[in-house]
Amino acid sequence: MEDRNQRILHHLNHLLTIANDGQHGYATAADDTDSPAIQTNLRAYSLDRANFVEALEAEIRKLGAQPSEGGGPLGAIHRVWIDVKSSLTSKDKKAVLGACITGDTAALNAYDKVLEDSELPEDLRTLIANQRLSIQDALRSVKVLHDAVE
């Protein structure tokens, strides 16, 4: 039972890091683009990720633990969002949106790995699956924006 709870906490803290990275990445992207339409979308995705953070932190606390402060290596997702910041220096909309696509694709892969855990409680599975669906929808929309930018 202890191993199961530790694994679930590890999953939740990993997704928490991803959600935090997504929130900050989208906020940075929105602040540094000059297109009001793109800004609106990116800010909405940042707000979605902020809601993910709150929900994941609540679940971690329900399990009697404190949410990770993001110490230690943040992994590939964090590096992807760093790419967003790098892309912003030129305000190249296509590059910014491309970095967002890369970030959300990596996030989907992480969510898929967590959802493979057969011992994940059903309430957490539903929460994580719903967050994954929201990321997938955002990714689809960002791809449309990306393809429309010249």
C-alpha atoms as a PDB file:
ATOM      1  CA  MET A   1       0.000   0.000   0.000  1.00  0.00           C
ATOM      2  CA  GLU A   2       2.836   2.400   0.878  1.00  0.00           C
ATOM      3  CA  ASP A   3       4.565   1.734  -2.461  1.00  0.00           C
ATOM      4  CA  ARG A   4       1.307   2.410  -4.303  1.00  0.00           C
ATOM      5  CA  ASN A   5       0.764   5.728  -2.501  1.00  0.00           C
ATOM      6  CA  GLN A   6       4.370   6.755  -3.125  1.00  0.00           C
ATOM      7  CA  ARG A   7       4.006   5.958  -6.827  1.00  0.00           C
ATOM      8  CA  ILE A   8       0.751   7.931  -7.024  1.00  0.00           C
ATOM      9  CA  LEU A   9       2.371  10.881  -5.231  1.00  0.00           C
ATOM     10  CA  HIS A  10       5.285  10.686  -7.656  1.00  0.00           C
ATOM     11  CA  HIS A  11       2.833  10.747 -10.597  1.00  0.00           C
ATOM     12  CA  LEU A  12       0.917  13.694  -9.164  1.00  0.00           C
ATOM     13  CA  ASN A  13       4.059  15.695  -8.407  1.00  0.00           C
ATOM     14  CA  HIS A  14       5.385  14.996 -11.907  1.00  0.00           C
ATOM     15  CA  LEU A  15       2.131  16.245 -13.465  1.00  0.00           C
ATOM     16  CA  LEU A  16       2.212  19.225 -11.093  1.00  0.00           C
ATOM     17  CA  THR A  17       5.635  20.189 -12.463  1.00  0.00           C
ATOM     18  CA  ILE A  18       4.326  19.839 -16.004  1.00  0.00           C
ATOM     19  CA  ALA A  19       1.243  21.954 -15.239  1.00  0.00           C
ATOM     20  CA  ASN A  20       3.397  24.648 -13.604  1.00  0.00           C
ATOM     21  CA  ASP A  21       5.744  24.674 -16.585  1.00  0.00           C
ATOM     22  CA  GLY A  22       2.782  24.927 -18.960  1.00  0.00           C
ATOM     23  CA  GLN A  23       1.214  27.735 -16.963  1.00  0.00           C
ATOM     24  CA  HIS A  24       4.403  29.785 -16.961  1.00  0.00           C
ATOM     25  CA  GLY A  25       5.272  28.914 -20.550  1.00  0.00           C
ATOM     26  CA  TYR A  26       1.898  29.998 -21.890  1.00  0.00           C
ATOM     27  CA  ALA A  27       1.912  33.176 -19.760  1.00  0.00           C
ATOM     28  CA  THR A  28       5.358  34.094 -21.045  1.00  0.00           C
ATOM     29  CA  ALA A  29       4.332  33.368 -24.619  1.00  0.00           C
ATOM     30  CA  ALA A  30       1.195  35.514 -24.255  1.00  0.00           C
ATOM     31  CA  ASP A  31       3.137  38.419 -22.758  1.00  0.00           C
ATOM     32  CA  ASP A  32       5.714  38.410 -25.512  1.00  0.00           C
ATOM     33  CA  THR A  33       3.596  38.113 -28.623  1.00  0.00           C
ATOM     34  CA  ASP A  34       2.120  41.121 -30.376  1.00  0.00           C
ATOM     35  CA  SER A  35      -1.016  39.418 -31.699  1.00  0.00           C
ATOM     36  CA  PRO A  36      -4.094  40.111 -29.522  1.00  0.00           C
ATOM     37  CA  ALA A  37      -5.865  37.001 -30.834  1.00  0.00           C
ATOM     38  CA  ILE A  38      -2.923  34.748 -30.013  1.00  0.00           C
ATOM     39  CA  GLN A  39      -2.468  36.445 -26.626  1.00  0.00           C
ATOM     40  CA  THR A  40      -6.079  35.721 -25.710  1.00  0.00           C
ATOM     41  CA  ASN A  41      -5.724  32.042 -26.523  1.00  0.00           C
ATOM     42  CA  LEU A  42      -2.384  31.627 -24.778  1.00  0.00           C
ATOM     43  CA  ARG A  43      -3.625  33.372 -21.633  1.00  0.00           C
ATOM     44  CA  ALA A  44      -6.622  31.036 -21.554  1.00  0.00           C
ATOM     45  CA  TYR A  45      -4.307  28.014 -21.757  1.00  0.00           C
ATOM     46  CA  SER A  46      -2.150  29.465 -18.983  1.00  0.00           C
ATOM     47  CA  LEU A  47      -5.253  29.852 -16.810  1.00  0.00           C
ATOM     48  CA  ASP A  48      -6.249  26.247 -17.573  1.00  0.00           C
ATOM     49  CA  ARG A  49      -2.831  25.071 -16.391  1.00  0.00           C
ATOM     50  CA  ALA A  50      -3.166  27.184 -13.230  1.00  0.00           C
ATOM     51  CA  ASN A  51      -6.416  25.331 -12.521  1.00  0.00           C
ATOM     52  CA  PHE A  52      -4.594  22.022 -13.129  1.00  0.00           C
ATOM     53  CA  VAL A  53      -1.984  23.080 -10.567  1.00  0.00           C
ATOM     54  CA  GLU A  54      -4.646  23.810  -7.946  1.00  0.00           C
ATOM     55  CA  ALA A  55      -6.419  20.498  -8.539  1.00  0.00           C
ATOM     56  CA  LEU A  56      -3.200  18.457  -8.443  1.00  0.00           C
ATOM     57  CA  GLU A  57      -2.003  20.203  -5.278  1.00  0.00           C
ATOM     58  CA  ALA A  58      -5.345  19.439  -3.614  1.00  0.00           C
ATOM     59  CA  GLU A  59      -5.039  15.749  -4.520  1.00  0.00           C
ATOM     60  CA  ILE A  60      -1.487  15.597  -3.183  1.00  0.00           C
ATOM     61  CA  ARG A  61      -2.647  17.139   0.106  1.00  0.00           C
ATOM     62  CA  LYS A  62      -5.517  14.616   0.304  1.00  0.00           C
ATOM     63  CA  LEU A  63      -2.859  11.908   0.276  1.00  0.00           C
ATOM     64  CA  GLY A  64      -1.194  13.574   3.270  1.00  0.00           C
ATOM     65  CA  ALA A  65       1.783  15.051   1.442  1.00  0.00           C
ATOM     66  CA  GLN A  66       2.984  18.499   0.481  1.00  0.00           C
ATOM     67  CA  PRO A  67       3.128  19.397  -3.211  1.00  0.00           C
ATOM     68  CA  SER A  68       6.587  19.462  -4.708  1.00  0.00           C
ATOM     69  CA  GLU A  69       8.194  22.881  -4.842  1.00  0.00           C
ATOM     70  CA  GLY A  70       9.792  21.995  -8.158  1.00  0.00           C
ATOM     71  CA  GLY A  71      13.217  21.344  -6.656  1.00  0.00           C
ATOM     72  CA  GLY A  72      15.580  19.022  -8.437  1.00  0.00           C
ATOM     73  CA  PRO A  73      15.630  18.328 -12.142  1.00  0.00           C
ATOM     74  CA  LEU A  74      12.436  19.395 -13.856  1.00  0.00           C
ATOM     75  CA  GLY A  75      13.035  17.165 -16.839  1.00  0.00           C
ATOM     76  CA  ALA A  76      12.263  17.538 -20.488  1.00  0.00           C
ATOM     77  CA  ILE A  77       9.032  19.483 -20.055  1.00  0.00           C
ATOM     78  CA  HIS A  78      10.819  22.349 -18.325  1.00  0.00           C
ATOM     79  CA  ARG A  79      13.435  22.498 -21.066  1.00  0.00           C
ATOM     80  CA  VAL A  80      10.673  22.651 -23.656  1.00  0.00           C
ATOM     81  CA  TRP A  81       9.166  25.699 -21.963  1.00  0.00           C
ATOM     82  CA  ILE A  82      12.601  27.278 -21.799  1.00  0.00           C
ATOM     83  CA  ASP A  83      12.543  26.974 -25.591  1.00  0.00           C
ATOM     84  CA  VAL A  84       9.366  29.075 -25.533  1.00  0.00           C
ATOM     85  CA  LYS A  85      11.223  31.841 -23.701  1.00  0.00           C
ATOM     86  CA  SER A  86      14.090  31.645 -26.178  1.00  0.00           C
ATOM     87  CA  SER A  87      11.689  31.843 -29.109  1.00  0.00           C
ATOM     88  CA  LEU A  88      10.099  34.970 -27.702  1.00  0.00           C
ATOM     89  CA  THR A  89      13.126  37.158 -28.034  1.00  0.00           C
ATOM     90  CA  SER A  90      12.361  37.624 -31.713  1.00  0.00           C
ATOM     91  CA  LYS A  91       8.576  37.762 -31.231  1.00  0.00           C
ATOM     92  CA  ASP A  92       8.338  35.209 -34.031  1.00  0.00           C
ATOM     93  CA  LYS A  93       4.732  34.025 -33.696  1.00  0.00           C
ATOM     94  CA  LYS A  94       5.358  30.815 -35.628  1.00  0.00           C
ATOM     95  CA  ALA A  95       8.348  29.927 -33.404  1.00  0.00           C
ATOM     96  CA  VAL A  96       6.417  30.730 -30.216  1.00  0.00           C
ATOM     97  CA  LEU A  97       3.469  28.601 -31.290  1.00  0.00           C
ATOM     98  CA  GLY A  98       5.833  25.838 -32.413  1.00  0.00           C
ATOM     99  CA  ALA A  99       7.408  25.775 -28.950  1.00  0.00           C
ATOM    100  CA  CYS A 100       3.921  25.597 -27.393  1.00  0.00           C
ATOM    101  CA  ILE A 101       3.127  22.642 -29.650  1.00  0.00           C
ATOM    102  CA  THR A 102       6.315  20.896 -28.553  1.00  0.00           C
ATOM    103  CA  GLY A 103       5.499  21.556 -24.882  1.00  0.00           C
ATOM    104  CA  ASP A 104       1.953  20.264 -25.106  1.00  0.00           C
ATOM    105  CA  THR A 105       3.020  17.204 -27.088  1.00  0.00           C
ATOM    106  CA  ALA A 106       5.503  16.349 -24.334  1.00  0.00           C
ATOM    107  CA  ALA A 107       2.825  17.009 -21.686  1.00  0.00           C
ATOM    108  CA  LEU A 108       0.426  14.612 -23.432  1.00  0.00           C
ATOM    109  CA  ASN A 109       3.092  11.913 -23.407  1.00  0.00           C
ATOM    110  CA  ALA A 110       3.630  12.401 -19.672  1.00  0.00           C
ATOM    111  CA  TYR A 111      -0.106  12.255 -18.971  1.00  0.00           C
ATOM    112  CA  ASP A 112      -0.394   9.088 -21.086  1.00  0.00           C
ATOM    113  CA  LYS A 113       2.348   7.400 -19.043  1.00  0.00           C
ATOM    114  CA  VAL A 114       0.587   8.222 -15.777  1.00  0.00           C
ATOM    115  CA  LEU A 115      -2.739   6.962 -17.135  1.00  0.00           C
ATOM    116  CA  GLU A 116      -1.070   3.606 -17.910  1.00  0.00           C
ATOM    117  CA  ASP A 117      -0.809   2.924 -14.149  1.00  0.00           C
ATOM    118  CA  SER A 118      -3.507   0.318 -13.529  1.00  0.00           C
ATOM    119  CA  GLU A 119      -3.568   1.084  -9.793  1.00  0.00           C
ATOM    120  CA  LEU A 120      -4.479   4.731 -10.245  1.00  0.00           C
ATOM    121  CA  PRO A 121      -7.672   5.387  -8.234  1.00  0.00           C
ATOM    122  CA  GLU A 122     -10.686   6.084 -10.431  1.00  0.00           C
ATOM    123  CA  ASP A 123     -11.213   9.641  -9.153  1.00  0.00           C
ATOM    124  CA  LEU A 124      -7.598  10.534  -9.989  1.00  0.00           C
ATOM    125  CA  ARG A 125      -7.828   8.759 -13.329  1.00  0.00           C
ATOM    126  CA  THR A 126     -10.856  10.925 -14.196  1.00  0.00           C
ATOM    127  CA  LEU A 127      -9.127  14.137 -13.104  1.00  0.00           C
ATOM    128  CA  ILE A 128      -5.948  13.317 -15.039  1.00  0.00           C
ATOM    129  CA  ALA A 129      -7.877  12.164 -18.122  1.00  0.00           C
ATOM    130  CA  ASN A 130      -9.875  15.415 -18.116  1.00  0.00           C
ATOM    131  CA  GLN A 131      -6.700  17.484 -17.834  1.00  0.00           C
ATOM    132  CA  ARG A 132      -5.165  15.445 -20.655  1.00  0.00           C
ATOM    133  CA  LEU A 133      -8.220  16.120 -22.824  1.00  0.00           C
ATOM    134  CA  SER A 134      -7.891  19.854 -22.163  1.00  0.00           C
ATOM    135  CA  ILE A 135      -4.211  19.747 -23.169  1.00  0.00           C
ATOM    136  CA  GLN A 136      -5.130  17.831 -26.318  1.00  0.00           C
ATOM    137  CA  ASP A 137      -7.767  20.451 -27.197  1.00  0.00           C
ATOM    138  CA  ALA A 138      -5.277  23.277 -26.596  1.00  0.00           C
ATOM    139  CA  LEU A 139      -2.706  21.508 -28.738  1.00  0.00           C
ATOM    140  CA  ARG A 140      -5.204  21.159 -31.561  1.00  0.00           C
ATOM    141  CA  SER A 141      -6.050  24.879 -31.361  1.00  0.00           C
ATOM    142  CA  VAL A 142      -2.417  25.974 -31.182  1.00  0.00           C
ATOM    143  CA  LYS A 143      -1.651  23.877 -34.265  1.00  0.00           C
ATOM    144  CA  VAL A 144      -4.435  25.690 -36.131  1.00  0.00           C
ATOM    145  CA  LEU A 145      -3.008  29.066 -35.038  1.00  0.00           C
ATOM    146  CA  HIS A 146       0.489  27.938 -36.004  1.00  0.00           C
ATOM    147  CA  ASP A 147      -0.614  26.852 -39.450  1.00  0.00           C
ATOM    148  CA  ALA A 148      -2.473  30.146 -40.008  1.00  0.00           C
ATOM    149  CA  VAL A 149       0.539  32.334 -39.151  1.00  0.00           C
ATOM    150  CA  GLU A 150       2.620  33.484 -42.088  1.00  0.00           C
END
